C-alpha atoms as a PDB file:
ATOM      1  CA  MET A   1      88.361 109.926 177.837  1.00  0.00           C
ATOM      2  CA  LYS A   2      86.699 109.031 181.203  1.00  0.00           C
ATOM      3  CA  SER A   3      86.428 112.467 183.152  1.00  0.00           C
ATOM      4  CA  THR A   4      88.046 112.764 186.581  1.00  0.00           C
ATOM      5  CA  VAL A   5      85.656 112.144 189.448  1.00  0.00           C
ATOM      6  CA  PHE A   6      85.790 115.213 191.822  1.00  0.00           C
ATOM      7  CA  ALA A   7      86.097 114.949 195.653  1.00  0.00           C
ATOM      8  CA  SER A   8      82.757 113.812 197.277  1.00  0.00           C
ATOM      9  CA  ALA A   9      81.151 115.661 200.091  1.00  0.00           C
ATOM     10  CA  ALA A  10      82.539 113.055 202.614  1.00  0.00           C
ATOM     11  CA  ILE A  11      86.153 114.674 202.291  1.00  0.00           C
ATOM     12  CA  ALA A  12      85.224 118.042 200.656  1.00  0.00           C
ATOM     13  CA  ALA A  13      86.040 119.682 204.146  1.00  0.00           C
ATOM     14  CA  THR A  14      89.626 118.329 203.958  1.00  0.00           C
ATOM     15  CA  LEU A  15      90.255 119.671 200.467  1.00  0.00           C
ATOM     16  CA  VAL A  16      90.646 123.123 199.225  1.00  0.00           C
ATOM     17  CA  PHE A  17      89.338 123.695 195.608  1.00  0.00           C
ATOM     18  CA  SER A  18      91.137 125.577 193.137  1.00  0.00           C
ATOM     19  CA  PHE A  19      90.879 125.621 189.369  1.00  0.00           C
ATOM     20  CA  SER A  20      93.507 127.798 188.240  1.00  0.00           C
ATOM     21  CA  PRO A  21      96.960 126.593 188.555  1.00  0.00           C
ATOM     22  CA  GLN A  22      99.466 129.236 189.505  1.00  0.00           C
ATOM     23  CA  ALA A  23     101.998 130.484 187.016  1.00  0.00           C
ATOM     24  CA  TYR A  24     104.898 128.562 188.033  1.00  0.00           C
ATOM     25  CA  ALA A  25     105.247 125.174 189.903  1.00  0.00           C
ATOM     26  CA  THR A  26     107.521 125.139 192.901  1.00  0.00           C
ATOM     27  CA  VAL A  27     110.901 123.814 191.800  1.00  0.00           C
ATOM     28  CA  PRO A  28     112.748 122.012 192.756  1.00  0.00           C
ATOM     29  CA  TYR A  29     110.173 120.229 194.993  1.00  0.00           C
ATOM     30  CA  THR A  30     109.766 116.622 196.400  1.00  0.00           C
ATOM     31  CA  GLU A  31     106.594 115.602 198.194  1.00  0.00           C
ATOM     32  CA  ASN A  32     107.793 113.249 200.992  1.00  0.00           C
ATOM     33  CA  PHE A  33     104.262 112.871 202.664  1.00  0.00           C
ATOM     34  CA  THR A  34     105.682 113.630 205.974  1.00  0.00           C
ATOM     35  CA  SER A  35     102.674 113.790 208.075  1.00  0.00           C
ATOM     36  CA  ASP A  36      99.556 112.778 205.864  1.00  0.00           C
ATOM     37  CA  ALA A  37      98.615 112.230 202.362  1.00  0.00           C
ATOM     38  CA  ALA A  38      99.141 115.935 201.500  1.00  0.00           C
ATOM     39  CA  ASN A  39      95.704 115.850 199.830  1.00  0.00           C
ATOM     40  CA  TRP A  40      96.608 113.314 197.144  1.00  0.00           C
ATOM     41  CA  ALA A  41      93.636 111.220 196.214  1.00  0.00           C
ATOM     42  CA  ASP A  42      92.936 107.628 195.533  1.00  0.00           C
ATOM     43  CA  ASN A  43      91.941 105.928 192.198  1.00  0.00           C
ATOM     44  CA  THR A  44      88.374 107.255 192.585  1.00  0.00           C
ATOM     45  CA  GLY A  45      89.199 110.761 193.610  1.00  0.00           C
ATOM     46  CA  GLN A  46      86.413 110.555 196.353  1.00  0.00           C
ATOM     47  CA  ALA A  47      88.996 109.677 199.093  1.00  0.00           C
ATOM     48  CA  LEU A  48      92.267 110.532 200.184  1.00  0.00           C
ATOM     49  CA  ALA A  49      95.209 107.947 199.674  1.00  0.00           C
ATOM     50  CA  ALA A  50      96.075 106.335 203.032  1.00  0.00           C
ATOM     51  CA  PHE A  51      98.968 107.772 205.000  1.00  0.00           C
ATOM     52  CA  VAL A  52     101.773 104.979 206.293  1.00  0.00           C
ATOM     53  CA  PRO A  53     104.047 106.424 208.783  1.00  0.00           C
ATOM     54  CA  SER A  54     107.161 104.173 207.968  1.00  0.00           C
ATOM     55  CA  GLY A  55     108.331 101.902 205.373  1.00  0.00           C
ATOM     56  CA  GLY A  56     108.993 104.334 202.646  1.00  0.00           C
ATOM     57  CA  PRO A  57     112.147 103.959 200.138  1.00  0.00           C
ATOM     58  CA  ASP A  58     114.237 105.552 202.980  1.00  0.00           C
ATOM     59  CA  GLY A  59     112.282 104.030 205.779  1.00  0.00           C
ATOM     60  CA  SER A  60     109.992 107.105 206.123  1.00  0.00           C
ATOM     61  CA  SER A  61     106.300 107.804 205.645  1.00  0.00           C
ATOM     62  CA  TYR A  62     104.429 107.306 202.295  1.00  0.00           C
ATOM     63  CA  ILE A  63     101.036 107.126 201.011  1.00  0.00           C
ATOM     64  CA  THR A  64      99.199 103.929 199.619  1.00  0.00           C
ATOM     65  CA  THR A  65      95.773 102.836 197.970  1.00  0.00           C
ATOM     66  CA  THR A  66      94.294  99.551 196.574  1.00  0.00           C
ATOM     67  CA  PHE A  67      92.552  98.910 193.592  1.00  0.00           C
ATOM     68  CA  ASN A  68      90.470  95.791 192.687  1.00  0.00           C
ATOM     69  CA  ALA A  69      90.724  94.408 189.017  1.00  0.00           C
ATOM     70  CA  SER A  70      87.300  93.080 189.056  1.00  0.00           C
ATOM     71  CA  GLY A  71      85.702  95.471 186.613  1.00  0.00           C
ATOM     72  CA  THR A  72      88.871  96.180 184.475  1.00  0.00           C
ATOM     73  CA  LYS A  73      90.252  94.299 181.448  1.00  0.00           C
ATOM     74  CA  ASP A  74      93.775  93.001 181.029  1.00  0.00           C
ATOM     75  CA  GLY A  75      96.330  95.671 179.936  1.00  0.00           C
ATOM     76  CA  ALA A  76      94.149  98.621 181.003  1.00  0.00           C
ATOM     77  CA  GLY A  77      96.070 101.591 182.564  1.00  0.00           C
ATOM     78  CA  VAL A  78      94.563 102.611 185.934  1.00  0.00           C
ATOM     79  CA  ILE A  79      95.376 105.891 187.624  1.00  0.00           C
ATOM     80  CA  THR A  80      95.977 105.105 191.375  1.00  0.00           C
ATOM     81  CA  PHE A  81      97.278 108.433 192.841  1.00  0.00           C
ATOM     82  CA  ARG A  82      95.834 111.812 192.050  1.00  0.00           C
ATOM     83  CA  GLY A  83      97.767 114.927 192.648  1.00  0.00           C
ATOM     84  CA  GLN A  84      95.289 117.654 191.530  1.00  0.00           C
ATOM     85  CA  ASP A  85      94.532 121.006 191.732  1.00  0.00           C
ATOM     86  CA  GLU A  86      91.039 120.610 192.784  1.00  0.00           C
ATOM     87  CA  PHE A  87      92.152 118.680 195.747  1.00  0.00           C
ATOM     88  CA  ASN A  88      94.920 121.319 196.790  1.00  0.00           C
ATOM     89  CA  SER A  89      97.401 118.258 196.584  1.00  0.00           C
ATOM     90  CA  SER A  90     100.819 119.275 197.935  1.00  0.00           C
ATOM     91  CA  ASN A  91      99.513 122.786 198.165  1.00  0.00           C
ATOM     92  CA  HIS A  92      99.503 123.287 194.634  1.00  0.00           C
ATOM     93  CA  ALA A  93     103.388 122.917 194.292  1.00  0.00           C
ATOM     94  CA  PHE A  94     103.238 120.809 191.122  1.00  0.00           C
ATOM     95  CA  GLU A  95     100.647 123.268 189.323  1.00  0.00           C
ATOM     96  CA  GLY A  96     101.715 125.762 186.743  1.00  0.00           C
ATOM     97  CA  ASN A  97     103.870 126.241 183.502  1.00  0.00           C
ATOM     98  CA  TRP A  98     106.396 123.576 183.442  1.00  0.00           C
ATOM     99  CA  LEU A  99     107.764 124.785 180.270  1.00  0.00           C
ATOM    100  CA  ALA A 100     108.178 128.477 181.217  1.00  0.00           C
ATOM    101  CA  GLY A 101     109.463 127.120 184.552  1.00  0.00           C
ATOM    102  CA  GLY A 102     112.361 125.106 182.853  1.00  0.00           C
ATOM    103  CA  ILE A 103     111.023 121.861 184.706  1.00  0.00           C
ATOM    104  CA  ASN A 104     112.649 118.934 182.700  1.00  0.00           C
ATOM    105  CA  HIS A 105     112.450 115.896 184.827  1.00  0.00           C
ATOM    106  CA  PHE A 106     109.818 114.092 187.193  1.00  0.00           C
ATOM    107  CA  SER A 107     110.349 111.233 189.487  1.00  0.00           C
ATOM    108  CA  ALA A 108     108.473 109.209 192.058  1.00  0.00           C
ATOM    109  CA  TYR A 109     108.946 105.911 193.893  1.00  0.00           C
ATOM    110  CA  VAL A 110     106.473 103.460 193.540  1.00  0.00           C
ATOM    111  CA  LEU A 111     105.752 100.065 195.734  1.00  0.00           C
ATOM    112  CA  ASN A 112     104.067  97.284 194.348  1.00  0.00           C
ATOM    113  CA  THR A 113     102.841  94.866 196.921  1.00  0.00           C
ATOM    114  CA  ALA A 114     100.972  92.362 194.598  1.00  0.00           C
ATOM    115  CA  SER A 115     102.134  88.893 194.029  1.00  0.00           C
ATOM    116  CA  VAL A 116     103.284  89.817 190.340  1.00  0.00           C
ATOM    117  CA  PRO A 117     105.279  92.664 188.783  1.00  0.00           C
ATOM    118  CA  VAL A 118     103.223  95.499 187.225  1.00  0.00           C
ATOM    119  CA  THR A 119     104.065  98.226 184.754  1.00  0.00           C
ATOM    120  CA  VAL A 120     103.787 101.715 186.319  1.00  0.00           C
ATOM    121  CA  PHE A 121     103.420 105.042 184.534  1.00  0.00           C
ATOM    122  CA  ALA A 122     102.679 108.690 184.929  1.00  0.00           C
ATOM    123  CA  ARG A 123     100.189 111.151 183.477  1.00  0.00           C
ATOM    124  CA  PHE A 124     100.184 114.954 183.325  1.00  0.00           C
ATOM    125  CA  ALA A 125      97.081 117.040 182.390  1.00  0.00           C
ATOM    126  CA  THR A 126      95.676 120.556 182.719  1.00  0.00           C
ATOM    127  CA  ALA A 127      93.262 121.324 185.516  1.00  0.00           C
ATOM    128  CA  SER A 128      90.487 120.289 183.375  1.00  0.00           C
ATOM    129  CA  ASN A 129      92.006 116.790 182.808  1.00  0.00           C
ATOM    130  CA  PHE A 130      92.414 117.354 179.139  1.00  0.00           C
ATOM    131  CA  PRO A 131      94.630 117.761 177.185  1.00  0.00           C
ATOM    132  CA  GLY A 132      97.092 115.309 178.675  1.00  0.00           C
ATOM    133  CA  VAL A 133     100.231 113.420 178.225  1.00  0.00           C
ATOM    134  CA  ALA A 134     100.748 109.863 179.250  1.00  0.00           C
ATOM    135  CA  ALA A 135     104.224 109.015 180.320  1.00  0.00           C
ATOM    136  CA  ASP A 136     105.342 105.500 179.970  1.00  0.00           C
ATOM    137  CA  ASN A 137     108.868 104.102 179.463  1.00  0.00           C
ATOM    138  CA  GLY A 138     107.913 100.617 180.457  1.00  0.00           C
ATOM    139  CA  THR A 139     109.173 100.872 184.008  1.00  0.00           C
ATOM    140  CA  ILE A 140     108.429  97.525 185.854  1.00  0.00           C
ATOM    141  CA  ALA A 141     107.731  97.474 189.723  1.00  0.00           C
ATOM    142  CA  PRO A 142     108.817  93.957 191.054  1.00  0.00           C
ATOM    143  CA  PRO A 143     106.653  92.717 193.971  1.00  0.00           C
ATOM    144  CA  ASN A 144     107.372  94.126 197.553  1.00  0.00           C
ATOM    145  CA  GLN A 145     110.026  96.671 196.628  1.00  0.00           C
ATOM    146  CA  TRP A 146     110.314 100.076 195.904  1.00  0.00           C
ATOM    147  CA  THR A 147     110.836 101.127 192.212  1.00  0.00           C
ATOM    148  CA  LEU A 148     111.887 104.573 190.874  1.00  0.00           C
ATOM    149  CA  LEU A 149     109.754 105.893 187.953  1.00  0.00           C
ATOM    150  CA  SER A 150     111.506 108.573 186.237  1.00  0.00           C
ATOM    151  CA  PHE A 151     110.905 110.951 182.969  1.00  0.00           C
ATOM    152  CA  ASP A 152     112.601 113.469 181.232  1.00  0.00           C
ATOM    153  CA  ILE A 153     110.285 116.150 180.211  1.00  0.00           C
ATOM    154  CA  ASN A 154     111.694 117.208 176.872  1.00  0.00           C
ATOM    155  CA  PRO A 155     110.064 117.436 173.161  1.00  0.00           C
ATOM    156  CA  SER A 156     112.577 114.997 172.103  1.00  0.00           C
ATOM    157  CA  GLN A 157     110.782 112.445 174.171  1.00  0.00           C
ATOM    158  CA  ILE A 158     107.398 112.693 172.408  1.00  0.00           C
ATOM    159  CA  ASN A 159     106.380 109.371 170.819  1.00  0.00           C
ATOM    160  CA  ALA A 160     109.408 107.851 172.879  1.00  0.00           C
ATOM    161  CA  THR A 161     108.370 107.963 176.634  1.00  0.00           C
ATOM    162  CA  LEU A 162     105.855 110.885 176.533  1.00  0.00           C
ATOM    163  CA  PHE A 163     102.624 110.297 174.582  1.00  0.00           C
ATOM    164  CA  PRO A 164     100.081 113.174 174.012  1.00  0.00           C
ATOM    165  CA  GLU A 165      96.471 112.175 173.968  1.00  0.00           C
ATOM    166  CA  GLY A 166      95.979 113.728 170.669  1.00  0.00           C
ATOM    167  CA  PRO A 167      97.915 115.887 168.236  1.00  0.00           C
ATOM    168  CA  ASP A 168     101.660 116.443 169.414  1.00  0.00           C
ATOM    169  CA  SER A 169     100.568 120.077 170.144  1.00  0.00           C
ATOM    170  CA  PHE A 170      99.005 118.764 173.272  1.00  0.00           C
ATOM    171  CA  TYR A 171     102.472 118.295 174.959  1.00  0.00           C
ATOM    172  CA  THR A 172     102.762 122.086 174.912  1.00  0.00           C
ATOM    173  CA  ASP A 173      99.097 122.619 175.929  1.00  0.00           C
ATOM    174  CA  ALA A 174      99.317 120.226 178.836  1.00  0.00           C
ATOM    175  CA  PHE A 175     102.804 121.184 180.125  1.00  0.00           C
ATOM    176  CA  SER A 176     102.219 124.870 179.851  1.00  0.00           C
ATOM    177  CA  SER A 177      99.286 124.504 182.235  1.00  0.00           C
ATOM    178  CA  ILE A 178      99.825 121.425 184.527  1.00  0.00           C
ATOM    179  CA  GLY A 179      96.720 120.895 187.107  1.00  0.00           C
ATOM    180  CA  HIS A 180      96.885 117.294 187.498  1.00  0.00           C
ATOM    181  CA  VAL A 181      99.808 114.739 188.335  1.00  0.00           C
ATOM    182  CA  GLN A 182      98.823 111.079 188.291  1.00  0.00           C
ATOM    183  CA  ILE A 183     100.424 107.762 188.950  1.00  0.00           C
ATOM    184  CA  GLY A 184      99.321 104.598 187.887  1.00  0.00           C
ATOM    185  CA  PHE A 185      99.859 100.915 186.550  1.00  0.00           C
ATOM    186  CA  ASP A 186      98.770  98.430 183.859  1.00  0.00           C
ATOM    187  CA  ILE A 187      96.659  95.650 184.724  1.00  0.00           C
ATOM    188  CA  PRO A 188      98.647  92.494 184.147  1.00  0.00           C
ATOM    189  CA  ALA A 189      97.704  89.699 181.677  1.00  0.00           C
ATOM    190  CA  GLY A 190      95.326  86.969 183.049  1.00  0.00           C
ATOM    191  CA  LEU A 191      94.360  89.137 186.054  1.00  0.00           C
ATOM    192  CA  GLY A 192      91.822  91.469 184.366  1.00  0.00           C
ATOM    193  CA  MET A 193      88.316  91.095 185.404  1.00  0.00           C
ATOM    194  CA  THR A 194      89.309  88.990 188.370  1.00  0.00           C
ATOM    195  CA  ASN A 195      88.911  89.793 192.059  1.00  0.00           C
ATOM    196  CA  THR A 196      92.504  90.683 192.459  1.00  0.00           C
ATOM    197  CA  ASN A 197      93.603  93.740 194.866  1.00  0.00           C
ATOM    198  CA  PHE A 198      96.438  95.629 193.927  1.00  0.00           C
ATOM    199  CA  THR A 199      98.081  97.773 196.445  1.00  0.00           C
ATOM    200  CA  LEU A 200     100.612 100.373 195.461  1.00  0.00           C
ATOM    201  CA  GLY A 201     102.581 102.959 197.708  1.00  0.00           C
ATOM    202  CA  LEU A 202     103.905 106.226 196.628  1.00  0.00           C
ATOM    203  CA  ASP A 203     106.773 108.546 198.035  1.00  0.00           C
ATOM    204  CA  LYS A 204     109.235 111.242 196.897  1.00  0.00           C
ATOM    205  CA  VAL A 205     107.098 112.749 193.982  1.00  0.00           C
ATOM    206  CA  SER A 206     109.714 115.061 192.350  1.00  0.00           C
ATOM    207  CA  ILE A 207     110.054 117.861 189.836  1.00  0.00           C
ATOM    208  CA  ASN A 208     113.506 119.433 188.968  1.00  0.00           C
ATOM    209  CA  THR A 209     114.919 122.004 186.854  1.00  0.00           C
ATOM    210  CA  PRO A 210     118.059 121.690 184.546  1.00  0.00           C
ATOM    211  CA  GLU A 211     121.381 122.024 186.080  1.00  0.00           C
ATOM    212  CA  PRO A 212     122.842 125.721 185.441  1.00  0.00           C
ATOM    213  CA  THR A 213     125.071 124.480 182.798  1.00  0.00           C
ATOM    214  CA  SER A 214     122.475 122.783 180.846  1.00  0.00           C
ATOM    215  CA  CYS A 215     120.189 124.103 178.026  1.00  0.00           C
ATOM    216  CA  VAL A 216     116.706 125.186 179.359  1.00  0.00           C
ATOM    217  CA  LEU A 217     113.860 123.143 177.936  1.00  0.00           C
ATOM    218  CA  ALA A 218     112.756 124.475 174.512  1.00  0.00           C
ATOM    219  CA  LEU A 219     109.196 125.428 173.708  1.00  0.00           C
ATOM    220  CA  GLY A 220     109.044 124.638 170.115  1.00  0.00           C
ATOM    221  CA  PHE A 221     109.783 121.377 168.528  1.00  0.00           C
ATOM    222  CA  ALA A 222     109.445 119.771 164.955  1.00  0.00           C
ATOM    223  CA  SER A 223     106.345 117.940 163.932  1.00  0.00           C
ATOM    224  CA  LEU A 224     106.712 114.359 164.755  1.00  0.00           C
ATOM    225  CA  GLY A 225     105.198 111.337 162.946  1.00  0.00           C
ATOM    226  CA  PHE A 226     101.723 110.219 164.619  1.00  0.00           C
ATOM    227  CA  ILE A 227     101.890 106.712 166.260  1.00  0.00           C
ATOM    228  CA  ARG A 228      99.149 104.907 168.450  1.00  0.00           C
ATOM    229  CA  ARG A 229      98.857 106.298 171.922  1.00  0.00           C
ATOM    230  CA  ARG A 230      98.369 103.873 174.720  1.00  0.00           C
ATOM    231  CA  SER A 231      94.800 104.320 176.174  1.00  0.00           C
ATOM    232  CA  ARG A 232      94.585 105.373 180.002  1.00  0.00           C
ATOM    233  CA  THR A 233      91.780 105.420 182.395  1.00  0.00           C
ATOM    234  CA  THR A 234      91.778 109.004 183.489  1.00  0.00           C
END
């Protein structure tokens, strides 16, 4: 597993470092990137994502970053946006114990400006970036339009859309101490190892709790059969 690259000295002055997620995340919460990148970093973790003042899914501001596929193989998962505790992303609003907080849903809007569709995914991990859970329901982002990426955070989704990067117990380990929220895409077939730029936008990153009439998220779950997890560049 590739370790997260921490922020360089070049942007250290703009990032507040913290390695202890708060007890509970702020819910409900939506990051709209109203005036800046809210300390969300790009693929490298060494620079902030770029702020765009207009053109989001509702016409408002959003963030964007570009990744070049020249060093990456077909099908590889690439993290393009990093909302992480060491960067003080969204003022730590996403960090903490999602299970105890009853957080059962995550969503975000992703813009793909490449000439081909891409598959987008999310990843959730502790402050040390491991254990982690890849979230992938095969959402396809067509070119030049905003696409909703949405996941239920529920034990029933293990091996369906949520893939612990190890034993199924990593689901509980990760979601009880979230420090990293990451969004990425898979390199399309035929474009790996080519000089192709993929520019993605991100907006309205949200976490929510169940409706009052719904059951809260259960902490325990039955052991599920192991299936091969998709590898992700983290």
